[in-house]
Amino acid sequence: MRAIEEGLPLIRAANTGISAVIDPLGRVIRSLPLGTEGVIDSPLPRALQPTPYARLGDWMLGAMLALALIVVMRVRRRSRFI
């Protein structure tokens, strides 16, 4: 999910877990299964253009929550007077 939200390739290396090369669309390119010793020799996939999340960050979520709160407050206020 991190590769998709940032539009960047991801390399996961673990001593005892699953190691993998993941492209910017979240697809696993190469991997080693759990408990297997080995080496992954794979080129790093190209990054995508910056995604909306990469450009705007977490403030977009805060703005959406604030807007939802404003809408709920106005609906509550109107329903009290009806």
N, C-alpha and C. Protein backbone atom coordinates (compact mmCIF):
# COMPACT_ATOMS: atom_id res chain seq x y z
N MET A 1 0.83 -1.19 0.00
CA MET A 1 0.00 0.00 0.00
C MET A 1 0.87 1.26 0.00
N ARG A 2 2.01 1.23 0.67
CA ARG A 2 2.89 2.41 0.68
C ARG A 2 3.44 2.69 -0.71
N ALA A 3 3.77 1.65 -1.47
CA ALA A 3 4.28 1.84 -2.83
C ALA A 3 3.22 2.51 -3.69
N ILE A 4 1.97 2.12 -3.54
CA ILE A 4 0.88 2.68 -4.35
C ILE A 4 0.62 4.13 -3.96
N GLU A 5 0.54 4.44 -2.67
CA GLU A 5 0.20 5.80 -2.27
C GLU A 5 1.28 6.80 -2.61
N GLU A 6 2.54 6.38 -2.63
CA GLU A 6 3.63 7.30 -2.97
C GLU A 6 4.05 7.22 -4.44
N GLY A 7 3.66 6.15 -5.14
CA GLY A 7 4.05 5.98 -6.54
C GLY A 7 5.52 5.63 -6.69
N LEU A 8 6.08 5.01 -5.66
CA LEU A 8 7.50 4.64 -5.66
C LEU A 8 7.68 3.14 -5.53
N PRO A 9 8.74 2.60 -6.11
CA PRO A 9 9.02 1.17 -5.90
C PRO A 9 9.44 0.94 -4.45
N LEU A 10 9.27 -0.28 -3.99
CA LEU A 10 9.58 -0.61 -2.61
C LEU A 10 10.40 -1.89 -2.57
N ILE A 11 11.44 -1.89 -1.76
CA ILE A 11 12.24 -3.08 -1.54
C ILE A 11 12.07 -3.46 -0.07
N ARG A 12 11.66 -4.69 0.18
CA ARG A 12 11.50 -5.17 1.56
C ARG A 12 12.51 -6.27 1.79
N ALA A 13 13.39 -6.03 2.74
CA ALA A 13 14.39 -7.03 3.09
C ALA A 13 14.19 -7.43 4.55
N ALA A 14 14.05 -8.73 4.80
CA ALA A 14 13.81 -9.21 6.16
C ALA A 14 14.71 -10.40 6.45
N ASN A 15 15.22 -10.46 7.66
CA ASN A 15 16.07 -11.59 8.04
C ASN A 15 15.30 -12.89 8.11
N THR A 16 14.11 -12.85 8.66
CA THR A 16 13.34 -14.08 8.83
C THR A 16 11.98 -14.02 8.17
N GLY A 17 11.66 -12.92 7.52
CA GLY A 17 10.35 -12.79 6.90
C GLY A 17 10.43 -12.86 5.38
N ILE A 18 9.41 -12.37 4.74
CA ILE A 18 9.34 -12.38 3.28
C ILE A 18 10.08 -11.16 2.75
N SER A 19 11.01 -11.35 1.81
CA SER A 19 11.72 -10.27 1.16
C SER A 19 11.15 -10.13 -0.25
N ALA A 20 11.06 -8.88 -0.75
CA ALA A 20 10.42 -8.70 -2.06
C ALA A 20 10.82 -7.38 -2.71
N VAL A 21 10.65 -7.33 -4.03
CA VAL A 21 10.74 -6.11 -4.82
C VAL A 21 9.33 -5.83 -5.31
N ILE A 22 8.82 -4.63 -5.01
CA ILE A 22 7.44 -4.27 -5.34
C ILE A 22 7.47 -3.02 -6.22
N ASP A 23 6.72 -3.05 -7.32
CA ASP A 23 6.70 -1.90 -8.23
C ASP A 23 5.76 -0.81 -7.70
N PRO A 24 5.77 0.38 -8.31
CA PRO A 24 4.94 1.50 -7.81
C PRO A 24 3.44 1.26 -7.88
N LEU A 25 3.00 0.23 -8.60
CA LEU A 25 1.58 -0.09 -8.66
C LEU A 25 1.19 -1.16 -7.64
N GLY A 26 2.15 -1.58 -6.80
CA GLY A 26 1.87 -2.54 -5.74
C GLY A 26 2.01 -3.99 -6.14
N ARG A 27 2.51 -4.26 -7.34
CA ARG A 27 2.68 -5.64 -7.80
C ARG A 27 4.03 -6.17 -7.33
N VAL A 28 4.03 -7.40 -6.85
CA VAL A 28 5.28 -8.04 -6.41
C VAL A 28 6.02 -8.52 -7.66
N ILE A 29 7.23 -8.00 -7.86
CA ILE A 29 8.05 -8.35 -9.02
C ILE A 29 8.83 -9.64 -8.74
N ARG A 30 9.53 -9.65 -7.63
CA ARG A 30 10.29 -10.83 -7.21
C ARG A 30 10.18 -10.94 -5.69
N SER A 31 10.25 -12.18 -5.20
CA SER A 31 10.19 -12.35 -3.75
C SER A 31 10.86 -13.64 -3.32
N LEU A 32 11.21 -13.69 -2.05
CA LEU A 32 11.69 -14.89 -1.40
C LEU A 32 10.67 -15.25 -0.33
N PRO A 33 10.23 -16.49 -0.27
CA PRO A 33 9.22 -16.87 0.72
C PRO A 33 9.78 -16.88 2.14
N LEU A 34 8.88 -16.99 3.06
CA LEU A 34 9.20 -17.03 4.48
C LEU A 34 10.16 -18.17 4.80
N GLY A 35 11.20 -17.87 5.56
CA GLY A 35 12.15 -18.89 6.01
C GLY A 35 13.13 -19.37 4.95
N THR A 36 13.23 -18.68 3.81
CA THR A 36 14.14 -19.09 2.75
C THR A 36 15.33 -18.15 2.70
N GLU A 37 16.54 -18.72 2.65
CA GLU A 37 17.74 -17.92 2.48
C GLU A 37 17.97 -17.70 1.01
N GLY A 38 18.44 -16.51 0.65
CA GLY A 38 18.71 -16.27 -0.76
C GLY A 38 18.97 -14.81 -1.06
N VAL A 39 19.12 -14.54 -2.33
CA VAL A 39 19.39 -13.19 -2.81
C VAL A 39 18.40 -12.88 -3.93
N ILE A 40 17.87 -11.69 -3.91
CA ILE A 40 17.01 -11.23 -5.00
C ILE A 40 17.84 -10.28 -5.84
N ASP A 41 18.02 -10.60 -7.11
CA ASP A 41 18.75 -9.74 -8.03
C ASP A 41 17.75 -9.23 -9.06
N SER A 42 17.30 -7.99 -8.86
CA SER A 42 16.27 -7.43 -9.71
C SER A 42 16.52 -5.94 -9.88
N PRO A 43 16.29 -5.41 -11.08
CA PRO A 43 16.43 -3.96 -11.23
C PRO A 43 15.31 -3.24 -10.48
N LEU A 44 15.59 -2.03 -10.05
CA LEU A 44 14.61 -1.24 -9.34
C LEU A 44 13.63 -0.66 -10.36
N PRO A 45 12.33 -0.93 -10.20
CA PRO A 45 11.35 -0.38 -11.15
C PRO A 45 11.34 1.15 -11.12
N ARG A 46 10.94 1.76 -12.22
CA ARG A 46 10.87 3.23 -12.31
C ARG A 46 9.72 3.75 -11.46
N ALA A 47 9.94 4.93 -10.89
CA ALA A 47 8.90 5.59 -10.10
C ALA A 47 7.88 6.22 -11.03
N LEU A 48 6.65 6.39 -10.53
CA LEU A 48 5.60 7.09 -11.26
C LEU A 48 5.71 8.59 -10.98
N GLN A 49 4.90 9.37 -11.68
CA GLN A 49 4.78 10.79 -11.35
C GLN A 49 4.23 10.88 -9.93
N PRO A 50 4.52 11.95 -9.19
CA PRO A 50 4.00 12.05 -7.82
C PRO A 50 2.48 11.91 -7.78
N THR A 51 2.01 11.07 -6.89
CA THR A 51 0.58 10.84 -6.73
C THR A 51 -0.05 12.01 -5.96
N PRO A 52 -1.38 12.13 -5.98
CA PRO A 52 -2.01 13.20 -5.19
C PRO A 52 -1.62 13.13 -3.71
N TYR A 53 -1.53 11.92 -3.17
CA TYR A 53 -1.14 11.78 -1.76
C TYR A 53 0.30 12.26 -1.55
N ALA A 54 1.20 11.94 -2.49
CA ALA A 54 2.59 12.35 -2.36
C ALA A 54 2.71 13.88 -2.43
N ARG A 55 1.87 14.52 -3.25
CA ARG A 55 1.91 15.97 -3.39
C ARG A 55 1.23 16.69 -2.24
N LEU A 56 0.08 16.19 -1.80
CA LEU A 56 -0.72 16.91 -0.82
C LEU A 56 -0.54 16.42 0.60
N GLY A 57 -0.20 15.16 0.77
CA GLY A 57 0.04 14.63 2.10
C GLY A 57 -1.21 14.42 2.93
N ASP A 58 -1.04 14.41 4.24
CA ASP A 58 -2.13 14.11 5.16
C ASP A 58 -3.10 15.27 5.36
N TRP A 59 -2.74 16.48 4.94
CA TRP A 59 -3.65 17.61 5.18
C TRP A 59 -4.96 17.42 4.42
N MET A 60 -4.92 16.68 3.30
CA MET A 60 -6.14 16.44 2.54
C MET A 60 -7.16 15.68 3.40
N LEU A 61 -6.72 14.70 4.16
CA LEU A 61 -7.60 13.96 5.05
C LEU A 61 -8.18 14.89 6.12
N GLY A 62 -7.34 15.75 6.68
CA GLY A 62 -7.81 16.70 7.68
C GLY A 62 -8.85 17.65 7.13
N ALA A 63 -8.65 18.11 5.90
CA ALA A 63 -9.62 19.01 5.27
C ALA A 63 -10.95 18.29 5.02
N MET A 64 -10.89 17.03 4.61
CA MET A 64 -12.12 16.27 4.38
C MET A 64 -12.87 16.04 5.69
N LEU A 65 -12.15 15.74 6.76
CA LEU A 65 -12.79 15.56 8.06
C LEU A 65 -13.41 16.86 8.56
N ALA A 66 -12.72 17.98 8.36
CA ALA A 66 -13.26 19.28 8.78
C ALA A 66 -14.53 19.60 8.00
N LEU A 67 -14.52 19.33 6.70
CA LEU A 67 -15.71 19.57 5.88
C LEU A 67 -16.87 18.70 6.33
N ALA A 68 -16.61 17.44 6.63
CA ALA A 68 -17.66 16.54 7.11
C ALA A 68 -18.23 17.03 8.44
N LEU A 69 -17.37 17.51 9.32
CA LEU A 69 -17.82 18.04 10.61
C LEU A 69 -18.72 19.26 10.42
N ILE A 70 -18.35 20.15 9.50
CA ILE A 70 -19.16 21.34 9.23
C ILE A 70 -20.53 20.93 8.70
N VAL A 71 -20.57 19.98 7.79
CA VAL A 71 -21.84 19.51 7.22
C VAL A 71 -22.71 18.90 8.31
N VAL A 72 -22.14 18.07 9.17
CA VAL A 72 -22.91 17.44 10.25
C VAL A 72 -23.46 18.49 11.21
N MET A 73 -22.65 19.48 11.55
CA MET A 73 -23.10 20.53 12.46
C MET A 73 -24.25 21.32 11.86
N ARG A 74 -24.19 21.64 10.59
CA ARG A 74 -25.27 22.39 9.94
C ARG A 74 -26.56 21.57 9.85
N VAL A 75 -26.43 20.28 9.55
CA VAL A 75 -27.61 19.41 9.47
C VAL A 75 -28.26 19.31 10.85
N ARG A 76 -27.46 19.16 11.89
CA ARG A 76 -28.00 19.08 13.26
C ARG A 76 -28.71 20.37 13.65
N ARG A 77 -28.11 21.49 13.29
CA ARG A 77 -28.68 22.78 13.64
C ARG A 77 -30.03 22.98 12.94
N ARG A 78 -30.12 22.60 11.67
CA ARG A 78 -31.37 22.72 10.92
C ARG A 78 -32.45 21.79 11.47
N SER A 79 -32.09 20.56 11.82
CA SER A 79 -33.07 19.61 12.31
C SER A 79 -33.65 20.01 13.67
N ARG A 80 -32.92 20.80 14.42
CA ARG A 80 -33.42 21.27 15.71
C ARG A 80 -34.56 22.27 15.56
N PHE A 81 -34.52 23.04 14.49
CA PHE A 81 -35.53 24.09 14.29
C PHE A 81 -36.72 23.64 13.47
N ILE A 82 -36.72 22.43 12.97
CA ILE A 82 -37.82 21.95 12.13
C ILE A 82 -38.90 21.32 12.98
